[in-house]
Amino acid sequence: NYQQVPTAGNEALIGQYVGEVKFFRAYYYYGLLQKFGDLPWIGSTLNPDLAELQALDVRVKRNIIADSIIADLDFAIANLLPKEKAEPLRINKEVALLFKSRVCLFEGTWEKYHSGTPFGVDGSDGSQYITLAATSAKALMDENKYSLTPNYPLLFNQKDLSSNPEVLLWKKYNYLLGVFHDLTRVITVGGGNTGLTRSLVESYLCTDGKPISVSPLYKGDQSLNLVMQNRDKRLLWTNAFPGWPLQIMPGNDTATKFTKPPIDKSQTETRSTSGYELYKGCDPYTDNRPVGQGEIACISFRYAEALLNYAEAKTELGTITQEDIDLTVNQLRDRAGVAHLDLTNIATDPDWDFPALSPAINEIRRERRVEFACEGLRLNDLLRWKADALIVGKRLRGMLYIGSDVEGTYLSSGRSDIIVIGKNLYVDPQGYIAPYQKALPSGFQFNPDRDYLLPIPTNEITLGGGTLTQNPNW
């Protein structure tokens, strides 16, 4: 009913509110697009009338849905207040710009790498969306309103990010208002029954800018201390290493420090499944909050994504330059203490995830993986890149156990070894922890001809009168 409001003098305010609504319609439609592909598009106000809803039984092609999402975001960008005028913790123009680059990069690379499959779009290589991704990201960069914060770990363990120059939008928690989470406690008491993978840990470069497969600086896997030496600082800030503080008691600064991963624990919340224990987001300083009521802020959008969206888009288009790399990837590497990426001198990595693609694409994808580790972007990256070769028949692995410095150190009160290989710990033939060896004897059973999209729920097909088409091979 906003159209019924007298517009004189209210144009900016109305534009802001409608821009917010269109942003959120784009946001939720983007989530549906990622999951289901082709969708019914609702572009007008609906009455809660069943017959009217049942008429929405036609799935529109995904590229048309993407165009509709982009149109909503373009309206938002044109009407939302800029950062300096917008209310804190609300959507502003720059958030919409960054989100547009995310949407366009996803759809563009999806259409490029799924071309010729049932999941692609006939006649499209996605380049128009990839171009839009680069343009949107660069527009945000050129505004010079955001920058990288020098201290990477402080992005993830602070209660208030309002003054952080890198954060565009974040969620504030307050346990007194009943808005809290349990992440802080889970990280500080153990592994949370999860863990980083060996694949992720090995993705971090050495400080000379070379991968561990070829760098003379890599010291080996026999201990976590060796793993961390001469490495990208983001690894040191993401994985727990011996000596890292887990809990610091107020008043006397007495610290409980990480010594070795709790792979021997039977309680799920205190067990590390892989031996590589998550540290990113750890706030070791305790206060008077009730247990399990954490208030560490959650980032929704941060400026580093604009840099990597731009670099990836330009690389996919084949127009990346060294100047582009210096504006983006090399800024991130400076913060991480890693030598610059030189497009004319990229060290060949025999373990590249995508050996059929260019060295530049492999290194940009590596940079994205390590910069955004455990921030919820990896799965959709793998899906848009059509990376089933990294999934099908594969099992996640963890740290080295057999032959490492922690082998035989998990002892009972009677000084006997608690770890029994094949019973409470599984390892592969090389001695690395294989937590899903029994649960996934043949690895992940991802079906590339089906599993890139989820099935349309049966109840939705029923509500649509049975005319909604199902996704391929479901």
Protein backbone atom coordinates (compact mmCIF):
# COMPACT_ATOMS: atom_id res chain seq x y z
CA ASN A 1 0.00 0.00 0.00
CA TYR A 2 2.98 2.35 -0.15
CA GLN A 3 1.56 3.81 -3.39
CA GLN A 4 -1.22 5.36 -1.29
CA VAL A 5 1.22 7.50 0.69
CA PRO A 6 1.47 11.15 -0.46
CA THR A 7 4.73 11.24 -2.37
CA ALA A 8 5.55 14.94 -2.04
CA GLY A 9 8.62 15.19 0.15
CA ASN A 10 8.68 11.45 0.81
CA GLU A 11 10.29 10.24 -2.40
CA ALA A 12 13.65 9.35 -0.88
CA LEU A 13 12.12 7.56 2.08
CA ILE A 14 9.71 5.60 -0.13
CA GLY A 15 12.56 4.70 -2.47
CA GLN A 16 14.62 3.44 0.46
CA TYR A 17 11.85 1.19 1.76
CA VAL A 18 10.88 -0.17 -1.65
CA GLY A 19 14.58 -0.69 -2.38
CA GLU A 20 14.92 -2.74 0.79
CA VAL A 21 11.90 -4.88 -0.12
CA LYS A 22 13.20 -5.47 -3.65
CA PHE A 23 16.62 -6.31 -2.25
CA PHE A 24 15.11 -9.00 -0.04
CA ARG A 25 12.95 -10.36 -2.86
CA ALA A 26 16.16 -10.67 -4.90
CA TYR A 27 17.96 -12.23 -1.93
CA TYR A 28 15.38 -14.95 -1.36
CA TYR A 29 14.88 -15.63 -5.05
CA TYR A 30 18.65 -16.04 -5.40
CA GLY A 31 18.55 -18.72 -2.71
CA LEU A 32 15.77 -20.52 -4.58
CA LEU A 33 17.65 -20.19 -7.89
CA GLN A 34 20.72 -21.83 -6.40
CA LYS A 35 18.68 -24.74 -5.05
CA PHE A 36 16.11 -25.36 -7.77
CA GLY A 37 17.09 -23.61 -11.03
CA ASP A 38 14.01 -22.66 -13.06
CA LEU A 39 11.31 -21.04 -10.89
CA PRO A 40 7.86 -19.49 -11.03
CA TRP A 41 8.40 -15.72 -10.90
CA ILE A 42 6.03 -13.65 -8.76
CA GLY A 43 6.33 -10.03 -9.82
CA SER A 44 3.15 -8.59 -8.40
CA THR A 45 1.36 -8.42 -5.06
CA LEU A 46 -0.51 -11.64 -4.29
CA ASN A 47 -3.69 -12.02 -2.34
CA PRO A 48 -3.74 -15.03 0.05
CA ASP A 49 -6.09 -16.86 -2.27
CA LEU A 50 -5.41 -20.53 -2.97
CA ALA A 51 -6.75 -20.43 -6.51
CA GLU A 52 -4.45 -17.56 -7.36
CA LEU A 53 -1.44 -19.36 -5.93
CA GLN A 54 -2.32 -22.56 -7.80
CA ALA A 55 -2.09 -20.63 -11.06
CA LEU A 56 1.65 -20.15 -10.45
CA ASP A 57 2.58 -23.48 -11.98
CA VAL A 58 4.96 -22.44 -14.74
CA ARG A 59 8.72 -22.57 -14.16
CA VAL A 60 10.51 -19.71 -15.89
CA LYS A 61 14.01 -20.37 -17.27
CA ARG A 62 16.80 -19.64 -14.81
CA ASN A 63 18.36 -16.86 -16.90
CA ILE A 64 15.05 -14.97 -16.93
CA ILE A 65 14.84 -15.41 -13.16
CA ALA A 66 18.41 -14.09 -12.91
CA ASP A 67 17.45 -11.08 -15.04
CA SER A 68 14.49 -10.40 -12.74
CA ILE A 69 16.72 -10.62 -9.66
CA ILE A 70 19.19 -8.21 -11.25
CA ALA A 71 16.36 -5.79 -12.11
CA ASP A 72 15.31 -5.77 -8.45
CA LEU A 73 18.89 -5.12 -7.39
CA ASP A 74 19.32 -2.34 -9.96
CA PHE A 75 16.25 -0.64 -8.46
CA ALA A 76 17.72 -1.10 -5.00
CA ILE A 77 21.10 0.33 -6.05
CA ALA A 78 19.38 3.38 -7.58
CA ASN A 79 17.14 4.06 -4.57
CA LEU A 80 18.87 2.86 -1.41
CA LEU A 81 20.74 5.37 0.68
CA PRO A 82 24.54 5.21 0.48
CA LYS A 83 26.63 4.02 3.41
CA GLU A 84 27.21 7.47 4.88
CA LYS A 85 23.47 8.27 5.05
CA ALA A 86 21.92 4.87 5.74
CA GLU A 87 20.98 3.60 9.18
CA PRO A 88 23.47 1.18 10.74
CA LEU A 89 22.60 -2.52 10.36
CA ARG A 90 20.24 -1.79 7.44
CA ILE A 91 20.64 -2.45 3.73
CA ASN A 92 22.39 0.32 1.81
CA LYS A 93 23.43 0.95 -1.79
CA GLU A 94 26.88 -0.60 -1.39
CA VAL A 95 25.45 -3.86 0.02
CA ALA A 96 23.20 -4.12 -3.03
CA LEU A 97 26.17 -3.51 -5.34
CA LEU A 98 28.18 -6.28 -3.72
CA PHE A 99 25.25 -8.67 -3.73
CA LYS A 100 24.65 -7.97 -7.42
CA SER A 101 28.25 -8.96 -8.17
CA ARG A 102 27.72 -12.19 -6.19
CA VAL A 103 24.53 -13.07 -8.06
CA CYS A 104 26.00 -12.27 -11.47
CA LEU A 105 29.21 -14.21 -10.84
CA PHE A 106 27.23 -17.23 -9.68
CA GLU A 107 24.86 -17.24 -12.65
CA GLY A 108 27.54 -16.41 -15.20
CA THR A 109 29.94 -19.15 -14.17
CA TRP A 110 27.05 -21.59 -13.68
CA GLU A 111 25.92 -21.06 -17.27
CA LYS A 112 29.52 -21.21 -18.53
CA TYR A 113 30.50 -24.47 -16.86
CA HIS A 114 27.11 -26.17 -17.17
CA SER A 115 26.77 -25.27 -20.86
CA GLY A 116 25.53 -28.22 -22.90
CA THR A 117 24.10 -30.02 -19.85
CA PRO A 118 20.48 -30.19 -18.62
CA PHE A 119 21.44 -27.61 -15.98
CA GLY A 120 22.68 -24.95 -18.41
CA VAL A 121 20.93 -22.38 -20.57
CA ASP A 122 20.74 -23.07 -24.30
CA GLY A 123 22.92 -20.72 -26.31
CA SER A 124 24.47 -18.98 -23.30
CA ASP A 125 28.05 -19.05 -22.04
CA GLY A 126 27.21 -16.75 -19.13
CA SER A 127 29.59 -14.01 -20.26
CA GLN A 128 26.99 -11.24 -19.99
CA TYR A 129 26.52 -12.02 -16.29
CA ILE A 130 30.23 -12.37 -15.64
CA THR A 131 30.72 -8.92 -17.19
CA LEU A 132 28.04 -7.51 -14.90
CA ALA A 133 29.77 -9.15 -11.92
CA ALA A 134 33.02 -7.38 -12.77
CA THR A 135 31.28 -4.05 -13.39
CA SER A 136 29.35 -4.15 -10.10
CA ALA A 137 32.35 -5.15 -8.01
CA LYS A 138 34.52 -2.47 -9.63
CA ALA A 139 31.84 0.17 -9.00
CA LEU A 140 31.99 -0.64 -5.30
CA MET A 141 35.79 -0.64 -5.32
CA ASP A 142 35.90 2.75 -7.08
CA GLU A 143 33.73 4.36 -4.39
CA ASN A 144 36.64 3.95 -1.92
CA LYS A 145 34.24 3.67 1.01
CA TYR A 146 35.54 0.32 2.24
CA SER A 147 38.98 -1.18 2.67
CA LEU A 148 40.61 -4.30 4.07
CA THR A 149 41.09 -4.31 7.81
CA PRO A 150 44.74 -5.04 8.67
CA ASN A 151 43.76 -7.59 11.32
CA TYR A 152 42.05 -10.58 9.67
CA PRO A 153 41.17 -12.55 12.85
CA LEU A 154 39.44 -9.53 14.42
CA LEU A 155 36.83 -9.77 11.67
CA PHE A 156 35.49 -12.93 13.27
CA ASN A 157 35.73 -12.58 17.06
CA GLN A 158 34.27 -9.15 17.83
CA LYS A 159 30.85 -8.25 19.23
CA ASP A 160 30.64 -4.94 17.37
CA LEU A 161 31.80 -4.41 13.78
CA SER A 162 30.29 -0.97 13.24
CA SER A 163 33.69 0.70 12.88
CA ASN A 164 35.35 -2.06 10.85
CA PRO A 165 36.30 -0.64 7.41
CA GLU A 166 35.84 -4.00 5.66
CA VAL A 167 32.35 -4.96 6.82
CA LEU A 168 29.36 -3.81 4.77
CA LEU A 169 26.64 -5.59 6.74
CA TRP A 170 26.69 -7.60 9.94
CA LYS A 171 24.33 -9.11 12.48
CA LYS A 172 24.44 -7.88 16.07
CA TYR A 173 23.73 -10.27 18.97
CA ASN A 174 22.59 -9.42 22.50
CA TYR A 175 21.85 -12.25 24.92
CA LEU A 176 19.80 -9.93 27.15
CA LEU A 177 17.40 -9.53 24.21
CA GLY A 178 17.36 -13.27 23.54
CA VAL A 179 19.48 -12.98 20.39
CA PHE A 180 22.56 -15.16 20.77
CA HIS A 181 24.39 -18.23 19.42
CA ASP A 182 26.54 -21.07 20.70
CA LEU A 183 29.53 -20.75 18.37
CA THR A 184 31.86 -19.19 20.95
CA ARG A 185 31.42 -22.01 23.45
CA VAL A 186 31.70 -24.78 20.86
CA ILE A 187 34.96 -23.41 19.44
CA THR A 188 36.55 -22.92 22.85
CA VAL A 189 35.66 -26.34 24.29
CA GLY A 190 36.73 -28.54 21.37
CA GLY A 191 36.04 -29.45 17.82
CA GLY A 192 32.24 -29.37 17.76
CA ASN A 193 32.25 -32.81 16.07
CA THR A 194 33.65 -31.33 12.89
CA GLY A 195 37.01 -30.21 11.56
CA LEU A 196 38.86 -28.61 8.70
CA THR A 197 39.89 -30.92 5.87
CA ARG A 198 43.39 -31.79 4.81
CA SER A 199 42.48 -30.46 1.35
CA LEU A 200 41.71 -27.03 2.77
CA VAL A 201 44.81 -26.91 4.96
CA GLU A 202 47.00 -27.88 2.00
CA SER A 203 45.45 -25.12 -0.13
CA TYR A 204 47.21 -22.38 1.86
CA LEU A 205 50.40 -21.23 0.18
CA CYS A 206 53.79 -20.82 1.74
CA THR A 207 55.03 -17.31 2.34
CA ASP A 208 57.04 -17.41 -0.90
CA GLY A 209 53.73 -17.60 -2.82
CA LYS A 210 54.29 -21.19 -3.87
CA PRO A 211 52.12 -24.21 -3.06
CA ILE A 212 53.36 -26.76 -0.55
CA SER A 213 53.90 -29.25 -3.38
CA VAL A 214 56.83 -27.23 -4.75
CA SER A 215 57.88 -24.74 -2.05
CA PRO A 216 61.17 -25.44 -0.24
CA LEU A 217 59.68 -23.64 2.77
CA TYR A 218 57.16 -26.39 3.55
CA LYS A 219 58.27 -28.39 6.59
CA GLY A 220 55.91 -31.37 6.46
CA ASP A 221 52.93 -32.86 8.29
CA GLN A 222 54.59 -34.61 11.23
CA SER A 223 53.27 -31.99 13.65
CA LEU A 224 50.88 -29.07 13.63
CA ASN A 225 53.78 -26.77 14.42
CA LEU A 226 55.53 -27.91 11.25
CA VAL A 227 52.34 -27.48 9.21
CA MET A 228 52.05 -23.84 10.29
CA GLN A 229 55.65 -22.79 9.62
CA ASN A 230 56.21 -20.41 6.69
CA ARG A 231 52.53 -20.46 5.72
CA ASP A 232 49.82 -18.01 4.76
CA LYS A 233 48.75 -16.31 8.01
CA ARG A 234 45.11 -17.05 7.25
CA LEU A 235 45.87 -20.71 8.01
CA LEU A 236 47.27 -19.72 11.41
CA TRP A 237 44.13 -17.70 12.12
CA THR A 238 41.71 -20.40 10.92
CA ASN A 239 43.13 -23.62 12.39
CA ALA A 240 44.01 -24.14 16.05
CA PHE A 241 47.71 -24.70 16.69
CA PRO A 242 49.60 -25.51 19.92
CA GLY A 243 49.77 -22.49 22.20
CA TRP A 244 46.69 -20.75 20.82
CA PRO A 245 44.53 -19.43 23.72
CA LEU A 246 41.08 -20.99 23.95
CA GLN A 247 39.83 -19.38 27.17
CA ILE A 248 41.31 -16.48 29.12
CA MET A 249 39.81 -15.93 32.54
CA PRO A 250 39.01 -12.31 33.43
CA GLY A 251 41.04 -10.62 36.12
CA ASN A 252 44.14 -12.80 36.07
CA ASP A 253 44.62 -13.50 32.35
CA THR A 254 45.01 -17.22 33.07
CA ALA A 255 44.68 -18.92 29.72
CA THR A 256 43.56 -22.38 28.69
CA LYS A 257 45.64 -23.09 25.62
CA PHE A 258 45.28 -25.50 22.75
CA THR A 259 47.78 -28.35 23.04
CA LYS A 260 46.59 -31.05 20.64
CA PRO A 261 43.35 -31.84 18.81
CA PRO A 262 40.68 -33.72 20.80
CA ILE A 263 40.39 -36.63 18.36
CA ASP A 264 39.99 -39.04 21.28
CA LYS A 265 36.82 -37.52 22.69
CA SER A 266 33.60 -39.51 22.61
CA GLN A 267 31.37 -36.52 23.30
CA THR A 268 30.45 -34.92 20.01
CA GLU A 269 30.73 -31.26 21.06
CA THR A 270 34.29 -31.68 22.29
CA ARG A 271 35.58 -33.89 19.49
CA SER A 272 37.56 -32.88 16.44
CA THR A 273 36.75 -35.25 13.59
CA SER A 274 39.77 -34.38 11.45
CA GLY A 275 42.38 -33.16 13.93
CA TYR A 276 42.36 -29.77 12.23
CA GLU A 277 40.29 -27.82 14.72
CA LEU A 278 38.47 -24.62 13.76
CA TYR A 279 39.88 -21.49 15.42
CA LYS A 280 38.43 -18.80 13.14
CA GLY A 281 35.83 -16.97 15.22
CA CYS A 282 37.33 -17.95 18.57
CA ASP A 283 36.93 -15.34 21.30
CA PRO A 284 39.08 -16.60 24.19
CA TYR A 285 38.07 -13.84 26.59
CA THR A 286 35.29 -14.99 28.88
CA ASP A 287 32.78 -12.66 30.52
CA ASN A 288 29.65 -12.97 32.58
CA ARG A 289 27.39 -14.26 29.80
CA PRO A 290 25.47 -17.44 30.57
CA VAL A 291 27.01 -20.53 28.96
CA GLY A 292 25.95 -20.96 25.34
CA GLN A 293 24.80 -17.38 24.85
CA GLY A 294 27.49 -15.99 22.59
CA GLU A 295 27.44 -12.51 21.11
CA ILE A 296 30.22 -12.60 18.49
CA ALA A 297 28.98 -10.65 15.46
CA CYS A 298 28.17 -12.44 12.19
CA ILE A 299 29.30 -10.91 8.89
CA SER A 300 26.82 -10.92 6.01
CA PHE A 301 28.92 -9.03 3.44
CA ARG A 302 32.53 -7.87 3.51
CA TYR A 303 34.68 -5.94 1.09
CA ALA A 304 37.14 -8.76 0.36
CA GLU A 305 34.38 -10.43 -1.66
CA ALA A 306 34.23 -7.48 -4.04
CA LEU A 307 37.96 -7.84 -4.69
CA LEU A 308 37.74 -11.56 -5.38
CA ASN A 309 34.52 -11.31 -7.39
CA TYR A 310 36.21 -8.75 -9.61
CA ALA A 311 39.40 -10.78 -9.99
CA GLU A 312 37.53 -13.98 -10.79
CA ALA A 313 35.17 -12.32 -13.25
CA LYS A 314 38.02 -10.66 -15.15
CA THR A 315 39.94 -13.93 -15.21
CA GLU A 316 36.92 -15.85 -16.54
CA LEU A 317 36.50 -13.21 -19.24
CA GLY A 318 40.17 -13.50 -20.18
CA THR A 319 40.81 -9.79 -19.56
CA ILE A 320 42.64 -9.92 -16.22
CA THR A 321 45.76 -7.76 -15.99
CA GLN A 322 48.56 -7.50 -13.45
CA GLU A 323 47.09 -4.17 -12.38
CA ASP A 324 43.81 -5.97 -11.60
CA ILE A 325 45.69 -8.58 -9.56
CA ASP A 326 47.55 -5.88 -7.63
CA LEU A 327 44.24 -4.17 -6.80
CA THR A 328 42.66 -7.38 -5.55
CA VAL A 329 44.50 -10.63 -4.83
CA ASN A 330 47.77 -9.01 -3.89
CA GLN A 331 46.07 -6.77 -1.33
CA LEU A 332 44.75 -9.90 0.34
CA ARG A 333 48.16 -11.55 0.15
CA ASP A 334 49.81 -8.51 1.74
CA ARG A 335 47.53 -8.93 4.74
CA ALA A 336 48.26 -12.66 4.84
CA GLY A 337 52.04 -12.26 4.57
CA VAL A 338 52.26 -14.08 1.23
CA ALA A 339 54.34 -13.09 -1.81
CA HIS A 340 52.46 -11.42 -4.64
CA LEU A 341 50.79 -13.28 -7.47
CA ASP A 342 52.63 -12.53 -10.73
CA LEU A 343 50.57 -13.49 -13.78
CA THR A 344 53.74 -14.00 -15.83
CA ASN A 345 55.34 -16.32 -13.29
CA ILE A 346 52.77 -18.61 -11.67
CA ALA A 347 54.35 -21.68 -10.10
CA THR A 348 52.84 -24.87 -11.52
CA ASP A 349 51.09 -26.85 -8.83
CA PRO A 350 50.82 -30.57 -9.62
CA ASP A 351 47.92 -30.68 -7.14
CA TRP A 352 45.76 -27.97 -8.69
CA ASP A 353 42.07 -28.76 -8.27
CA PHE A 354 41.33 -27.78 -11.87
CA PRO A 355 44.31 -28.86 -14.00
CA ALA A 356 42.39 -28.42 -17.27
CA LEU A 357 41.92 -24.70 -16.57
CA SER A 358 44.45 -21.88 -16.67
CA PRO A 359 46.95 -21.28 -13.86
CA ALA A 360 45.33 -17.90 -13.21
CA ILE A 361 41.87 -19.40 -12.67
CA ASN A 362 43.32 -22.04 -10.36
CA GLU A 363 45.09 -19.44 -8.24
CA ILE A 364 42.08 -17.10 -8.07
CA ARG A 365 39.91 -20.02 -6.94
CA ARG A 366 42.54 -20.99 -4.37
CA GLU A 367 42.57 -17.43 -3.05
CA ARG A 368 38.79 -17.44 -2.73
CA ARG A 369 38.84 -20.76 -0.88
CA VAL A 370 41.34 -19.71 1.77
CA GLU A 371 40.05 -16.15 2.21
CA PHE A 372 36.47 -17.31 2.83
CA ALA A 373 37.19 -20.61 4.58
CA CYS A 374 34.27 -21.64 6.81
CA GLU A 375 32.18 -18.63 5.83
CA GLY A 376 29.56 -20.62 3.91
CA LEU A 377 30.53 -19.88 0.30
CA ARG A 378 32.41 -23.02 -0.70
CA LEU A 379 29.52 -25.33 -1.63
CA ASN A 380 27.94 -22.89 -4.05
CA ASP A 381 31.36 -22.21 -5.57
CA LEU A 382 31.83 -25.92 -6.27
CA LEU A 383 28.34 -26.15 -7.75
CA ARG A 384 28.75 -23.18 -10.09
CA TRP A 385 32.16 -24.41 -11.22
CA LYS A 386 30.71 -27.87 -11.99
CA ALA A 387 33.38 -29.36 -9.72
CA ASP A 388 31.92 -32.85 -9.25
CA ALA A 389 35.36 -34.32 -9.98
CA LEU A 390 36.35 -33.07 -6.52
CA ILE A 391 33.35 -34.76 -4.91
CA VAL A 392 32.32 -38.01 -6.58
CA GLY A 393 33.78 -41.01 -4.81
CA LYS A 394 35.92 -38.81 -2.55
CA ARG A 395 36.20 -38.85 1.24
CA LEU A 396 37.38 -35.99 3.40
CA ARG A 397 40.67 -36.51 5.18
CA GLY A 398 42.31 -34.85 8.16
CA MET A 399 45.72 -34.47 9.76
CA LEU A 400 48.52 -37.01 9.83
CA TYR A 401 48.22 -39.34 12.83
CA ILE A 402 50.43 -42.36 12.10
CA GLY A 403 53.98 -41.02 12.27
CA SER A 404 53.02 -37.67 13.80
CA ASP A 405 54.11 -36.23 17.13
CA VAL A 406 50.68 -36.94 18.71
CA GLU A 407 50.56 -40.64 17.83
CA GLY A 408 50.40 -42.64 21.06
CA THR A 409 49.96 -39.59 23.30
CA TYR A 410 46.24 -40.05 24.03
CA LEU A 411 46.48 -42.08 27.22
CA SER A 412 44.05 -43.34 29.82
CA SER A 413 44.56 -42.84 33.52
CA GLY A 414 46.31 -46.20 33.46
CA ARG A 415 48.71 -44.87 30.79
CA SER A 416 47.38 -47.09 28.00
CA ASP A 417 46.70 -45.79 24.50
CA ILE A 418 43.07 -44.72 24.13
CA ILE A 419 43.23 -44.59 20.32
CA VAL A 420 42.39 -47.87 18.60
CA ILE A 421 42.78 -47.65 14.83
CA GLY A 422 39.69 -49.00 13.11
CA LYS A 423 37.55 -48.62 16.22
CA ASN A 424 37.54 -45.05 17.49
CA LEU A 425 39.84 -43.56 14.85
CA TYR A 426 40.12 -44.34 11.16
CA VAL A 427 43.14 -43.58 9.00
CA ASP A 428 43.98 -43.97 5.32
CA PRO A 429 46.96 -46.01 4.02
CA GLN A 430 49.22 -42.96 4.38
CA GLY A 431 48.30 -42.52 8.04
CA TYR A 432 46.02 -39.48 7.66
CA ILE A 433 42.78 -39.37 9.63
CA ALA A 434 39.84 -40.58 7.52
CA PRO A 435 36.79 -39.80 9.68
CA TYR A 436 34.20 -41.10 7.19
CA GLN A 437 36.00 -44.27 6.14
CA LYS A 438 33.27 -46.43 7.63
CA ALA A 439 30.32 -44.14 7.00
CA LEU A 440 31.23 -43.55 3.34
CA PRO A 441 33.09 -46.68 2.19
CA SER A 442 32.76 -45.64 -1.48
CA GLY A 443 33.04 -41.90 -0.91
CA PHE A 444 30.43 -39.26 -1.63
CA GLN A 445 27.71 -40.56 -3.93
CA PHE A 446 27.05 -37.25 -5.65
CA ASN A 447 25.28 -37.86 -8.98
CA PRO A 448 26.49 -35.25 -11.52
CA ASP A 449 23.44 -35.90 -13.71
CA ARG A 450 21.04 -35.07 -10.88
CA ASP A 451 22.49 -33.52 -7.74
CA TYR A 452 23.43 -30.06 -8.97
CA LEU A 453 19.83 -29.12 -8.21
CA LEU A 454 17.50 -30.22 -5.45
CA PRO A 455 14.21 -31.94 -6.28
CA ILE A 456 11.03 -29.89 -6.44
CA PRO A 457 9.14 -30.90 -3.26
CA THR A 458 6.18 -33.17 -3.93
CA ASN A 459 3.82 -30.91 -2.01
CA GLU A 460 4.74 -27.98 -4.28
CA ILE A 461 3.96 -30.06 -7.37
CA THR A 462 0.63 -31.01 -5.79
CA LEU A 463 -0.21 -27.41 -4.92
CA GLY A 464 0.63 -26.42 -8.48
CA GLY A 465 -1.98 -28.79 -9.82
CA GLY A 466 0.58 -31.35 -10.90
CA THR A 467 1.87 -29.27 -13.81
CA LEU A 468 5.18 -28.18 -12.27
CA THR A 469 8.05 -30.02 -13.92
CA GLN A 470 10.57 -31.94 -11.82
CA ASN A 471 14.32 -31.33 -11.96
CA PRO A 472 16.46 -33.65 -14.12
CA ASN A 473 16.63 -37.28 -13.00
CA TRP A 474 14.70 -36.81 -9.78
